[in-house]
Amino acid sequence: MLIVIIHDGVPVRNIQVIEKKCSLYLDMFMSTLSLSPIER
C-alpha cells in the first residue's frame, strides 16, 4: 500500500513527514473537539 499525500501540489512520499503531519493534524483535531462543547 502506497500512501501519497498531496501537500502544496507536491506528492509527499516520505513516511516520517506524513506521520508528523498526521500527528499534528490529529492533535489540532482533538483539541478542537475538546474545545467545541465548551464554546457551544
N, C-alpha and C. Protein backbone atom coordinates (compact mmCIF):
# COMPACT_ATOMS: atom_id res chain seq x y z
N MET A 1 0.85 -1.20 0.00
CA MET A 1 0.00 0.00 0.00
C MET A 1 0.88 1.24 0.00
N LEU A 2 0.68 2.09 -0.99
CA LEU A 2 1.48 3.32 -1.11
C LEU A 2 0.64 4.51 -0.67
N ILE A 3 1.16 5.24 0.31
CA ILE A 3 0.44 6.41 0.81
C ILE A 3 1.08 7.66 0.22
N VAL A 4 0.27 8.43 -0.51
CA VAL A 4 0.78 9.67 -1.10
C VAL A 4 -0.13 10.81 -0.67
N ILE A 5 0.43 11.77 0.04
CA ILE A 5 -0.34 12.93 0.48
C ILE A 5 0.08 14.14 -0.35
N ILE A 6 -0.89 14.78 -0.97
CA ILE A 6 -0.59 15.95 -1.79
C ILE A 6 -0.52 17.17 -0.87
N HIS A 7 0.67 17.75 -0.78
CA HIS A 7 0.86 18.93 0.08
C HIS A 7 1.45 20.04 -0.77
N ASP A 8 0.68 21.13 -0.89
CA ASP A 8 1.10 22.26 -1.73
C ASP A 8 1.33 21.80 -3.17
N GLY A 9 0.52 20.84 -3.64
CA GLY A 9 0.61 20.40 -5.02
C GLY A 9 1.76 19.44 -5.26
N VAL A 10 2.48 19.02 -4.23
CA VAL A 10 3.61 18.12 -4.41
C VAL A 10 3.35 16.82 -3.64
N PRO A 11 3.43 15.66 -4.32
CA PRO A 11 3.24 14.38 -3.62
C PRO A 11 4.34 14.14 -2.60
N VAL A 12 3.94 13.84 -1.39
CA VAL A 12 4.92 13.57 -0.33
C VAL A 12 4.96 12.08 -0.08
N ARG A 13 6.12 11.46 -0.29
CA ARG A 13 6.23 10.02 -0.12
C ARG A 13 7.10 9.68 1.09
N ASN A 14 7.53 10.70 1.83
CA ASN A 14 8.36 10.44 3.00
C ASN A 14 7.46 10.09 4.17
N ILE A 15 7.57 8.84 4.66
CA ILE A 15 6.68 8.35 5.70
C ILE A 15 6.80 9.20 6.97
N GLN A 16 8.03 9.59 7.32
CA GLN A 16 8.22 10.37 8.55
C GLN A 16 7.51 11.72 8.43
N VAL A 17 7.60 12.35 7.27
CA VAL A 17 6.93 13.64 7.07
C VAL A 17 5.43 13.45 7.18
N ILE A 18 4.91 12.37 6.57
CA ILE A 18 3.48 12.09 6.61
C ILE A 18 3.03 11.86 8.05
N GLU A 19 3.81 11.08 8.82
CA GLU A 19 3.44 10.81 10.21
C GLU A 19 3.44 12.10 11.02
N LYS A 20 4.41 12.98 10.79
CA LYS A 20 4.46 14.24 11.54
C LYS A 20 3.23 15.08 11.21
N LYS A 21 2.89 15.18 9.92
CA LYS A 21 1.73 15.98 9.53
C LYS A 21 0.45 15.38 10.12
N CYS A 22 0.32 14.06 10.03
CA CYS A 22 -0.89 13.41 10.55
C CYS A 22 -1.02 13.62 12.05
N SER A 23 0.08 13.49 12.78
CA SER A 23 0.03 13.67 14.23
C SER A 23 -0.31 15.12 14.56
N LEU A 24 0.22 16.05 13.78
CA LEU A 24 -0.06 17.46 14.02
C LEU A 24 -1.54 17.75 13.76
N TYR A 25 -2.06 17.26 12.62
CA TYR A 25 -3.47 17.46 12.30
C TYR A 25 -4.36 16.78 13.34
N LEU A 26 -3.95 15.58 13.80
CA LEU A 26 -4.73 14.85 14.79
C LEU A 26 -4.78 15.63 16.10
N ASP A 27 -3.64 16.19 16.51
CA ASP A 27 -3.61 16.98 17.75
C ASP A 27 -4.54 18.19 17.62
N MET A 28 -4.48 18.89 16.49
CA MET A 28 -5.35 20.06 16.30
C MET A 28 -6.81 19.63 16.29
N PHE A 29 -7.10 18.48 15.65
CA PHE A 29 -8.46 17.98 15.56
C PHE A 29 -9.00 17.63 16.94
N MET A 30 -8.18 16.92 17.73
CA MET A 30 -8.61 16.52 19.08
C MET A 30 -8.80 17.75 19.97
N SER A 31 -7.91 18.73 19.87
CA SER A 31 -8.04 19.95 20.68
C SER A 31 -9.31 20.70 20.29
N THR A 32 -9.63 20.68 18.98
CA THR A 32 -10.85 21.34 18.51
C THR A 32 -12.07 20.62 19.08
N LEU A 33 -12.04 19.28 19.09
CA LEU A 33 -13.16 18.52 19.63
C LEU A 33 -13.34 18.81 21.12
N SER A 34 -12.23 18.89 21.85
CA SER A 34 -12.31 19.09 23.30
C SER A 34 -12.81 20.50 23.61
N LEU A 35 -12.54 21.47 22.71
CA LEU A 35 -12.96 22.85 22.96
C LEU A 35 -14.39 23.10 22.48
N SER A 36 -14.86 22.33 21.51
CA SER A 36 -16.16 22.59 20.91
C SER A 36 -17.32 22.58 21.92
N PRO A 37 -17.45 21.55 22.77
CA PRO A 37 -18.60 21.51 23.68
C PRO A 37 -18.61 22.71 24.63
N ILE A 38 -17.44 23.18 25.04
CA ILE A 38 -17.38 24.29 25.99
C ILE A 38 -17.80 25.60 25.30
N GLU A 39 -17.35 25.78 24.07
CA GLU A 39 -17.66 27.02 23.36
C GLU A 39 -19.14 27.07 22.99
N ARG A 40 -19.72 25.92 22.68
CA ARG A 40 -21.14 25.90 22.33
C ARG A 40 -21.96 25.94 23.61
